[in-house]
Amino acid sequence: MQLTIVNKTENEINIKIVGESHTLMNFLKTALLKNKHVEIATYDIKHPTISDPILFVRTDGAEPIDVIKKASKDIIKECDAFVKLFTEKTKD
């Protein structure tokens, strides 16, 4: 995965995320939208097989990089909880 900040202002950021698809982008967008400081979180993939997604986040003034970091940590917690539950439920 490669990240390139395409554009950043005080409360907005556009990030190109090379090599990712709707799977990660939907998860990230959903996590971002749970943050009270996020006004808009969306992404665009021009063509699903030959384009890389561009993430767009606008906040109410909070640092966009910080809200993306928090959303990423929230995703990790959610995945860890799933792994734990799945492991418990699939023990013989």
PDB file of N, CA and C in Angstrom:
ATOM      1  N   MET A   1       0.850  -1.172   0.000  1.00  0.00           N
ATOM      2  CA  MET A   1       0.000   0.000   0.000  1.00  0.00           C
ATOM      3  C   MET A   1       0.895   1.235   0.000  1.00  0.00           C
ATOM      4  N   GLN A   2       0.518   2.193  -0.800  1.00  0.00           N
ATOM      5  CA  GLN A   2       1.203   3.488  -0.853  1.00  0.00           C
ATOM      6  C   GLN A   2       0.175   4.577  -0.602  1.00  0.00           C
ATOM      7  N   LEU A   3       0.567   5.583   0.150  1.00  0.00           N
ATOM      8  CA  LEU A   3      -0.294   6.735   0.403  1.00  0.00           C
ATOM      9  C   LEU A   3       0.371   7.982  -0.153  1.00  0.00           C
ATOM     10  N   THR A   4      -0.422   8.782  -0.846  1.00  0.00           N
ATOM     11  CA  THR A   4       0.056  10.064  -1.336  1.00  0.00           C
ATOM     12  C   THR A   4      -0.966  11.125  -0.967  1.00  0.00           C
ATOM     13  N   ILE A   5      -0.524  12.132  -0.232  1.00  0.00           N
ATOM     14  CA  ILE A   5      -1.432  13.243   0.075  1.00  0.00           C
ATOM     15  C   ILE A   5      -1.520  14.107  -1.170  1.00  0.00           C
ATOM     16  N   VAL A   6      -2.706  14.125  -1.757  1.00  0.00           N
ATOM     17  CA  VAL A   6      -2.947  14.876  -2.987  1.00  0.00           C
ATOM     18  C   VAL A   6      -3.150  16.345  -2.674  1.00  0.00           C
ATOM     19  N   ASN A   7      -3.889  16.613  -1.599  1.00  0.00           N
ATOM     20  CA  ASN A   7      -4.208  17.986  -1.221  1.00  0.00           C
ATOM     21  C   ASN A   7      -4.544  17.995   0.263  1.00  0.00           C
ATOM     22  N   LYS A   8      -4.094  19.022   0.978  1.00  0.00           N
ATOM     23  CA  LYS A   8      -4.429  19.135   2.392  1.00  0.00           C
ATOM     24  C   LYS A   8      -4.588  20.600   2.750  1.00  0.00           C
ATOM     25  N   THR A   9      -5.662  20.876   3.487  1.00  0.00           N
ATOM     26  CA  THR A   9      -5.871  22.190   4.075  1.00  0.00           C
ATOM     27  C   THR A   9      -6.034  21.995   5.577  1.00  0.00           C
ATOM     28  N   GLU A  10      -6.429  23.050   6.243  1.00  0.00           N
ATOM     29  CA  GLU A  10      -6.595  22.993   7.695  1.00  0.00           C
ATOM     30  C   GLU A  10      -7.615  21.936   8.125  1.00  0.00           C
ATOM     31  N   ASN A  11      -8.692  21.785   7.345  1.00  0.00           N
ATOM     32  CA  ASN A  11      -9.738  20.849   7.761  1.00  0.00           C
ATOM     33  C   ASN A  11     -10.160  19.856   6.670  1.00  0.00           C
ATOM     34  N   GLU A  12      -9.383  19.762   5.596  1.00  0.00           N
ATOM     35  CA  GLU A  12      -9.700  18.814   4.524  1.00  0.00           C
ATOM     36  C   GLU A  12      -8.431  18.103   4.070  1.00  0.00           C
ATOM     37  N   ILE A  13      -8.629  16.888   3.587  1.00  0.00           N
ATOM     38  CA  ILE A  13      -7.503  16.144   3.046  1.00  0.00           C
ATOM     39  C   ILE A  13      -7.995  15.205   1.948  1.00  0.00           C
ATOM     40  N   ASN A  14      -7.194  15.065   0.908  1.00  0.00           N
ATOM     41  CA  ASN A  14      -7.404  14.081  -0.157  1.00  0.00           C
ATOM     42  C   ASN A  14      -6.170  13.188  -0.162  1.00  0.00           C
ATOM     43  N   ILE A  15      -6.368  11.892  -0.084  1.00  0.00           N
ATOM     44  CA  ILE A  15      -5.257  10.948  -0.050  1.00  0.00           C
ATOM     45  C   ILE A  15      -5.489   9.869  -1.098  1.00  0.00           C
ATOM     46  N   LYS A  16      -4.502   9.663  -1.943  1.00  0.00           N
ATOM     47  CA  LYS A  16      -4.531   8.559  -2.903  1.00  0.00           C
ATOM     48  C   LYS A  16      -3.970   7.333  -2.194  1.00  0.00           C
ATOM     49  N   ILE A  17      -4.720   6.236  -2.248  1.00  0.00           N
ATOM     50  CA  ILE A  17      -4.322   5.012  -1.548  1.00  0.00           C
ATOM     51  C   ILE A  17      -4.130   3.927  -2.596  1.00  0.00           C
ATOM     52  N   VAL A  18      -2.882   3.735  -2.988  1.00  0.00           N
ATOM     53  CA  VAL A  18      -2.541   2.821  -4.075  1.00  0.00           C
ATOM     54  C   VAL A  18      -2.705   1.367  -3.627  1.00  0.00           C
ATOM     55  N   GLY A  19      -3.363   0.593  -4.480  1.00  0.00           N
ATOM     56  CA  GLY A  19      -3.470  -0.838  -4.254  1.00  0.00           C
ATOM     57  C   GLY A  19      -4.639  -1.269  -3.395  1.00  0.00           C
ATOM     58  N   GLU A  20      -5.513  -0.368  -3.041  1.00  0.00           N
ATOM     59  CA  GLU A  20      -6.663  -0.738  -2.218  1.00  0.00           C
ATOM     60  C   GLU A  20      -7.944  -0.709  -3.044  1.00  0.00           C
ATOM     61  N   SER A  21      -9.004  -1.250  -2.452  1.00  0.00           N
ATOM     62  CA  SER A  21     -10.279  -1.372  -3.153  1.00  0.00           C
ATOM     63  C   SER A  21     -11.408  -0.922  -2.234  1.00  0.00           C
ATOM     64  N   HIS A  22     -12.617  -1.208  -2.655  1.00  0.00           N
ATOM     65  CA  HIS A  22     -13.794  -0.836  -1.872  1.00  0.00           C
ATOM     66  C   HIS A  22     -13.778  -1.463  -0.474  1.00  0.00           C
ATOM     67  N   THR A  23     -13.156  -2.616  -0.336  1.00  0.00           N
ATOM     68  CA  THR A  23     -13.160  -3.314   0.954  1.00  0.00           C
ATOM     69  C   THR A  23     -12.604  -2.428   2.062  1.00  0.00           C
ATOM     70  N   LEU A  24     -11.386  -1.984   1.913  1.00  0.00           N
ATOM     71  CA  LEU A  24     -10.788  -1.121   2.931  1.00  0.00           C
ATOM     72  C   LEU A  24     -11.447   0.252   2.947  1.00  0.00           C
ATOM     73  N   MET A  25     -11.736   0.786   1.782  1.00  0.00           N
ATOM     74  CA  MET A  25     -12.245   2.152   1.715  1.00  0.00           C
ATOM     75  C   MET A  25     -13.612   2.285   2.395  1.00  0.00           C
ATOM     76  N   ASN A  26     -14.483   1.317   2.204  1.00  0.00           N
ATOM     77  CA  ASN A  26     -15.787   1.359   2.883  1.00  0.00           C
ATOM     78  C   ASN A  26     -15.627   1.258   4.392  1.00  0.00           C
ATOM     79  N   PHE A  27     -14.744   0.367   4.827  1.00  0.00           N
ATOM     80  CA  PHE A  27     -14.494   0.200   6.257  1.00  0.00           C
ATOM     81  C   PHE A  27     -13.960   1.504   6.853  1.00  0.00           C
ATOM     82  N   LEU A  28     -13.001   2.126   6.166  1.00  0.00           N
ATOM     83  CA  LEU A  28     -12.416   3.373   6.638  1.00  0.00           C
ATOM     84  C   LEU A  28     -13.435   4.506   6.635  1.00  0.00           C
ATOM     85  N   LYS A  29     -14.198   4.602   5.577  1.00  0.00           N
ATOM     86  CA  LYS A  29     -15.224   5.655   5.490  1.00  0.00           C
ATOM     87  C   LYS A  29     -16.224   5.514   6.636  1.00  0.00           C
ATOM     88  N   THR A  30     -16.675   4.305   6.894  1.00  0.00           N
ATOM     89  CA  THR A  30     -17.642   4.063   7.969  1.00  0.00           C
ATOM     90  C   THR A  30     -17.057   4.452   9.321  1.00  0.00           C
ATOM     91  N   ALA A  31     -15.811   4.071   9.565  1.00  0.00           N
ATOM     92  CA  ALA A  31     -15.159   4.424  10.832  1.00  0.00           C
ATOM     93  C   ALA A  31     -15.005   5.938  10.960  1.00  0.00           C
ATOM     94  N   LEU A  32     -14.657   6.604   9.886  1.00  0.00           N
ATOM     95  CA  LEU A  32     -14.505   8.061   9.913  1.00  0.00           C
ATOM     96  C   LEU A  32     -15.833   8.753  10.219  1.00  0.00           C
ATOM     97  N   LEU A  33     -16.901   8.272   9.619  1.00  0.00           N
ATOM     98  CA  LEU A  33     -18.205   8.923   9.808  1.00  0.00           C
ATOM     99  C   LEU A  33     -18.746   8.769  11.231  1.00  0.00           C
ATOM    100  N   LYS A  34     -18.180   7.879  12.012  1.00  0.00           N
ATOM    101  CA  LYS A  34     -18.578   7.731  13.417  1.00  0.00           C
ATOM    102  C   LYS A  34     -17.957   8.816  14.294  1.00  0.00           C
ATOM    103  N   ASN A  35     -16.968   9.520  13.770  1.00  0.00           N
ATOM    104  CA  ASN A  35     -16.278  10.567  14.517  1.00  0.00           C
ATOM    105  C   ASN A  35     -17.087  11.860  14.431  1.00  0.00           C
ATOM    106  N   LYS A  36     -17.396  12.440  15.591  1.00  0.00           N
ATOM    107  CA  LYS A  36     -18.232  13.645  15.621  1.00  0.00           C
ATOM    108  C   LYS A  36     -17.590  14.849  14.934  1.00  0.00           C
ATOM    109  N   HIS A  37     -16.282  14.826  14.746  1.00  0.00           N
ATOM    110  CA  HIS A  37     -15.585  15.936  14.102  1.00  0.00           C
ATOM    111  C   HIS A  37     -15.559  15.827  12.573  1.00  0.00           C
ATOM    112  N   VAL A  38     -15.981  14.692  12.049  1.00  0.00           N
ATOM    113  CA  VAL A  38     -15.945  14.482  10.605  1.00  0.00           C
ATOM    114  C   VAL A  38     -17.269  14.948   9.995  1.00  0.00           C
ATOM    115  N   GLU A  39     -17.183  15.905   9.088  1.00  0.00           N
ATOM    116  CA  GLU A  39     -18.369  16.393   8.377  1.00  0.00           C
ATOM    117  C   GLU A  39     -18.622  15.566   7.118  1.00  0.00           C
ATOM    118  N   ILE A  40     -17.562  15.240   6.400  1.00  0.00           N
ATOM    119  CA  ILE A  40     -17.669  14.438   5.176  1.00  0.00           C
ATOM    120  C   ILE A  40     -16.521  13.446   5.149  1.00  0.00           C
ATOM    121  N   ALA A  41     -16.844  12.208   4.815  1.00  0.00           N
ATOM    122  CA  ALA A  41     -15.827  11.190   4.560  1.00  0.00           C
ATOM    123  C   ALA A  41     -16.347  10.363   3.391  1.00  0.00           C
ATOM    124  N   THR A  42     -15.608  10.363   2.326  1.00  0.00           N
ATOM    125  CA  THR A  42     -16.016   9.617   1.141  1.00  0.00           C
ATOM    126  C   THR A  42     -14.764   9.252   0.355  1.00  0.00           C
ATOM    127  N   TYR A  43     -14.965   8.473  -0.676  1.00  0.00           N
ATOM    128  CA  TYR A  43     -13.851   8.129  -1.545  1.00  0.00           C
ATOM    129  C   TYR A  43     -14.376   7.943  -2.954  1.00  0.00           C
ATOM    130  N   ASP A  44     -13.446   7.974  -3.901  1.00  0.00           N
ATOM    131  CA  ASP A  44     -13.810   7.798  -5.303  1.00  0.00           C
ATOM    132  C   ASP A  44     -12.818   6.845  -5.940  1.00  0.00           C
ATOM    133  N   ILE A  45     -13.356   5.898  -6.695  1.00  0.00           N
ATOM    134  CA  ILE A  45     -12.542   5.013  -7.512  1.00  0.00           C
ATOM    135  C   ILE A  45     -13.081   5.154  -8.933  1.00  0.00           C
ATOM    136  N   LYS A  46     -12.311   5.779  -9.791  1.00  0.00           N
ATOM    137  CA  LYS A  46     -12.779   6.048 -11.160  1.00  0.00           C
ATOM    138  C   LYS A  46     -13.090   4.759 -11.908  1.00  0.00           C
ATOM    139  N   HIS A  47     -12.211   3.777 -11.809  1.00  0.00           N
ATOM    140  CA  HIS A  47     -12.430   2.483 -12.466  1.00  0.00           C
ATOM    141  C   HIS A  47     -11.898   1.403 -11.521  1.00  0.00           C
ATOM    142  N   PRO A  48     -12.716   0.430 -11.154  1.00  0.00           N
ATOM    143  CA  PRO A  48     -12.338  -0.511 -10.103  1.00  0.00           C
ATOM    144  C   PRO A  48     -11.119  -1.385 -10.398  1.00  0.00           C
ATOM    145  N   THR A  49     -10.775  -1.598 -11.642  1.00  0.00           N
ATOM    146  CA  THR A  49      -9.635  -2.470 -11.919  1.00  0.00           C
ATOM    147  C   THR A  49      -8.360  -1.718 -12.306  1.00  0.00           C
ATOM    148  N   ILE A  50      -8.478  -0.444 -12.651  1.00  0.00           N
ATOM    149  CA  ILE A  50      -7.268   0.269 -13.079  1.00  0.00           C
ATOM    150  C   ILE A  50      -7.033   1.588 -12.341  1.00  0.00           C
ATOM    151  N   SER A  51      -7.879   1.933 -11.407  1.00  0.00           N
ATOM    152  CA  SER A  51      -7.738   3.203 -10.684  1.00  0.00           C
ATOM    153  C   SER A  51      -7.505   2.944  -9.200  1.00  0.00           C
ATOM    154  N   ASP A  52      -6.801   3.849  -8.573  1.00  0.00           N
ATOM    155  CA  ASP A  52      -6.611   3.795  -7.131  1.00  0.00           C
ATOM    156  C   ASP A  52      -7.585   4.748  -6.466  1.00  0.00           C
ATOM    157  N   PRO A  53      -8.082   4.377  -5.304  1.00  0.00           N
ATOM    158  CA  PRO A  53      -9.053   5.236  -4.623  1.00  0.00           C
ATOM    159  C   PRO A  53      -8.428   6.522  -4.099  1.00  0.00           C
ATOM    160  N   ILE A  54      -9.250   7.551  -4.071  1.00  0.00           N
ATOM    161  CA  ILE A  54      -8.895   8.831  -3.455  1.00  0.00           C
ATOM    162  C   ILE A  54      -9.859   9.031  -2.289  1.00  0.00           C
ATOM    163  N   LEU A  55      -9.311   9.129  -1.097  1.00  0.00           N
ATOM    164  CA  LEU A  55     -10.099   9.374   0.109  1.00  0.00           C
ATOM    165  C   LEU A  55     -10.228  10.877   0.306  1.00  0.00           C
ATOM    166  N   PHE A  56     -11.431  11.337   0.633  1.00  0.00           N
ATOM    167  CA  PHE A  56     -11.674  12.747   0.933  1.00  0.00           C
ATOM    168  C   PHE A  56     -12.283  12.842   2.317  1.00  0.00           C
ATOM    169  N   VAL A  57     -11.697  13.664   3.162  1.00  0.00           N
ATOM    170  CA  VAL A  57     -12.208  13.878   4.521  1.00  0.00           C
ATOM    171  C   VAL A  57     -12.252  15.370   4.795  1.00  0.00           C
ATOM    172  N   ARG A  58     -13.387  15.818   5.334  1.00  0.00           N
ATOM    173  CA  ARG A  58     -13.505  17.204   5.803  1.00  0.00           C
ATOM    174  C   ARG A  58     -13.969  17.163   7.245  1.00  0.00           C
ATOM    175  N   THR A  59     -13.327  17.951   8.091  1.00  0.00           N
ATOM    176  CA  THR A  59     -13.670  17.981   9.506  1.00  0.00           C
ATOM    177  C   THR A  59     -14.248  19.340   9.885  1.00  0.00           C
ATOM    178  N   ASP A  60     -14.688  19.429  11.125  1.00  0.00           N
ATOM    179  CA  ASP A  60     -15.210  20.687  11.654  1.00  0.00           C
ATOM    180  C   ASP A  60     -14.101  21.601  12.149  1.00  0.00           C
ATOM    181  N   GLY A  61     -12.881  21.288  11.812  1.00  0.00           N
ATOM    182  CA  GLY A  61     -11.723  22.051  12.271  1.00  0.00           C
ATOM    183  C   GLY A  61     -10.680  21.160  12.917  1.00  0.00           C
ATOM    184  N   ALA A  62     -11.077  19.941  13.237  1.00  0.00           N
ATOM    185  CA  ALA A  62     -10.121  18.976  13.784  1.00  0.00           C
ATOM    186  C   ALA A  62      -9.101  18.623  12.699  1.00  0.00           C
ATOM    187  N   GLU A  63      -7.914  18.243  13.128  1.00  0.00           N
ATOM    188  CA  GLU A  63      -6.844  17.877  12.194  1.00  0.00           C
ATOM    189  C   GLU A  63      -7.242  16.603  11.435  1.00  0.00           C
ATOM    190  N   PRO A  64      -7.379  16.676  10.112  1.00  0.00           N
ATOM    191  CA  PRO A  64      -7.811  15.514   9.331  1.00  0.00           C
ATOM    192  C   PRO A  64      -6.910  14.287   9.501  1.00  0.00           C
ATOM    193  N   ILE A  65      -5.618  14.498   9.599  1.00  0.00           N
ATOM    194  CA  ILE A  65      -4.709  13.362   9.779  1.00  0.00           C
ATOM    195  C   ILE A  65      -4.998  12.657  11.100  1.00  0.00           C
ATOM    196  N   ASP A  66      -5.278  13.409  12.142  1.00  0.00           N
ATOM    197  CA  ASP A  66      -5.580  12.812  13.447  1.00  0.00           C
ATOM    198  C   ASP A  66      -6.867  11.983  13.404  1.00  0.00           C
ATOM    199  N   VAL A  67      -7.895  12.485  12.714  1.00  0.00           N
ATOM    200  CA  VAL A  67      -9.142  11.710  12.671  1.00  0.00           C
ATOM    201  C   VAL A  67      -8.974  10.444  11.838  1.00  0.00           C
ATOM    202  N   ILE A  68      -8.119  10.482  10.823  1.00  0.00           N
ATOM    203  CA  ILE A  68      -7.853   9.272  10.036  1.00  0.00           C
ATOM    204  C   ILE A  68      -7.065   8.268  10.874  1.00  0.00           C
ATOM    205  N   LYS A  69      -6.115   8.741  11.659  1.00  0.00           N
ATOM    206  CA  LYS A  69      -5.371   7.847  12.554  1.00  0.00           C
ATOM    207  C   LYS A  69      -6.313   7.189  13.558  1.00  0.00           C
ATOM    208  N   LYS A  70      -7.224   7.975  14.137  1.00  0.00           N
ATOM    209  CA  LYS A  70      -8.165   7.421  15.109  1.00  0.00           C
ATOM    210  C   LYS A  70      -9.070   6.386  14.448  1.00  0.00           C
ATOM    211  N   ALA A  71      -9.573   6.677  13.259  1.00  0.00           N
ATOM    212  CA  ALA A  71     -10.428   5.734  12.558  1.00  0.00           C
ATOM    213  C   ALA A  71      -9.666   4.441  12.261  1.00  0.00           C
ATOM    214  N   SER A  72      -8.405   4.561  11.905  1.00  0.00           N
ATOM    215  CA  SER A  72      -7.584   3.388  11.627  1.00  0.00           C
ATOM    216  C   SER A  72      -7.413   2.531  12.883  1.00  0.00           C
ATOM    217  N   LYS A  73      -7.181   3.178  14.009  1.00  0.00           N
ATOM    218  CA  LYS A  73      -7.059   2.443  15.273  1.00  0.00           C
ATOM    219  C   LYS A  73      -8.382   1.784  15.651  1.00  0.00           C
ATOM    220  N   ASP A  74      -9.497   2.461  15.383  1.00  0.00           N
ATOM    221  CA  ASP A  74     -10.815   1.879  15.653  1.00  0.00           C
ATOM    222  C   ASP A  74     -11.047   0.631  14.800  1.00  0.00           C
ATOM    223  N   ILE A  75     -10.602   0.669  13.553  1.00  0.00           N
ATOM    224  CA  ILE A  75     -10.729  -0.484  12.657  1.00  0.00           C
ATOM    225  C   ILE A  75      -9.917  -1.654  13.213  1.00  0.00           C
ATOM    226  N   ILE A  76      -8.713  -1.384  13.686  1.00  0.00           N
ATOM    227  CA  ILE A  76      -7.870  -2.442  14.251  1.00  0.00           C
ATOM    228  C   ILE A  76      -8.561  -3.072  15.455  1.00  0.00           C
ATOM    229  N   LYS A  77      -9.141  -2.250  16.332  1.00  0.00           N
ATOM    230  CA  LYS A  77      -9.857  -2.769  17.502  1.00  0.00           C
ATOM    231  C   LYS A  77     -11.020  -3.653  17.076  1.00  0.00           C
ATOM    232  N   GLU A  78     -11.760  -3.212  16.066  1.00  0.00           N
ATOM    233  CA  GLU A  78     -12.903  -3.977  15.582  1.00  0.00           C
ATOM    234  C   GLU A  78     -12.458  -5.319  14.996  1.00  0.00           C
ATOM    235  N   CYS A  79     -11.376  -5.308  14.240  1.00  0.00           N
ATOM    236  CA  CYS A  79     -10.849  -6.553  13.666  1.00  0.00           C
ATOM    237  C   CYS A  79     -10.342  -7.478  14.768  1.00  0.00           C
ATOM    238  N   ASP A  80      -9.656  -6.934  15.761  1.00  0.00           N
ATOM    239  CA  ASP A  80      -9.169  -7.745  16.879  1.00  0.00           C
ATOM    240  C   ASP A  80     -10.335  -8.384  17.631  1.00  0.00           C
ATOM    241  N   ALA A  81     -11.406  -7.625  17.847  1.00  0.00           N
ATOM    242  CA  ALA A  81     -12.581  -8.170  18.529  1.00  0.00           C
ATOM    243  C   ALA A  81     -13.214  -9.288  17.706  1.00  0.00           C
ATOM    244  N   PHE A  82     -13.261  -9.117  16.392  1.00  0.00           N
ATOM    245  CA  PHE A  82     -13.814 -10.162  15.533  1.00  0.00           C
ATOM    246  C   PHE A  82     -12.965 -11.429  15.606  1.00  0.00           C
ATOM    247  N   VAL A  83     -11.649 -11.278  15.525  1.00  0.00           N
ATOM    248  CA  VAL A  83     -10.758 -12.437  15.583  1.00  0.00           C
ATOM    249  C   VAL A  83     -10.947 -13.182  16.903  1.00  0.00           C
ATOM    250  N   LYS A  84     -11.032 -12.434  17.987  1.00  0.00           N
ATOM    251  CA  LYS A  84     -11.227 -13.052  19.305  1.00  0.00           C
ATOM    252  C   LYS A  84     -12.543 -13.824  19.349  1.00  0.00           C
ATOM    253  N   LEU A  85     -13.613 -13.198  18.924  1.00  0.00           N
ATOM    254  CA  LEU A  85     -14.919 -13.855  18.942  1.00  0.00           C
ATOM    255  C   LEU A  85     -14.942 -15.061  18.007  1.00  0.00           C
ATOM    256  N   PHE A  86     -14.392 -14.913  16.832  1.00  0.00           N
ATOM    257  CA  PHE A  86     -14.366 -15.999  15.853  1.00  0.00           C
ATOM    258  C   PHE A  86     -13.561 -17.185  16.403  1.00  0.00           C
ATOM    259  N   THR A  87     -12.435 -16.890  17.025  1.00  0.00           N
ATOM    260  CA  THR A  87     -11.613 -17.946  17.609  1.00  0.00           C
ATOM    261  C   THR A  87     -12.361 -18.689  18.708  1.00  0.00           C
ATOM    262  N   GLU A  88     -13.061 -17.939  19.550  1.00  0.00           N
ATOM    263  CA  GLU A  88     -13.850 -18.578  20.627  1.00  0.00           C
ATOM    264  C   GLU A  88     -14.958 -19.452  20.080  1.00  0.00           C
ATOM    265  N   LYS A  89     -15.621 -18.991  19.063  1.00  0.00           N
ATOM    266  CA  LYS A  89     -16.769 -19.714  18.508  1.00  0.00           C
ATOM    267  C   LYS A  89     -16.383 -20.907  17.644  1.00  0.00           C
ATOM    268  N   THR A  90     -15.127 -20.949  17.199  1.00  0.00           N
ATOM    269  CA  THR A  90     -14.730 -22.049  16.315  1.00  0.00           C
ATOM    270  C   THR A  90     -13.804 -23.042  16.996  1.00  0.00           C
ATOM    271  N   LYS A  91     -13.667 -22.952  18.318  1.00  0.00           N
ATOM    272  CA  LYS A  91     -12.875 -23.936  19.053  1.00  0.00           C
ATOM    273  C   LYS A  91     -13.630 -25.251  19.080  1.00  0.00           C
ATOM    274  N   ASP A  92     -12.860 -26.313  18.981  1.00  0.00           N
ATOM    275  CA  ASP A  92     -13.479 -27.650  19.050  1.00  0.00           C
ATOM    276  C   ASP A  92     -13.628 -28.124  20.463  1.00  0.00           C
TER     277      ASP A  92
END
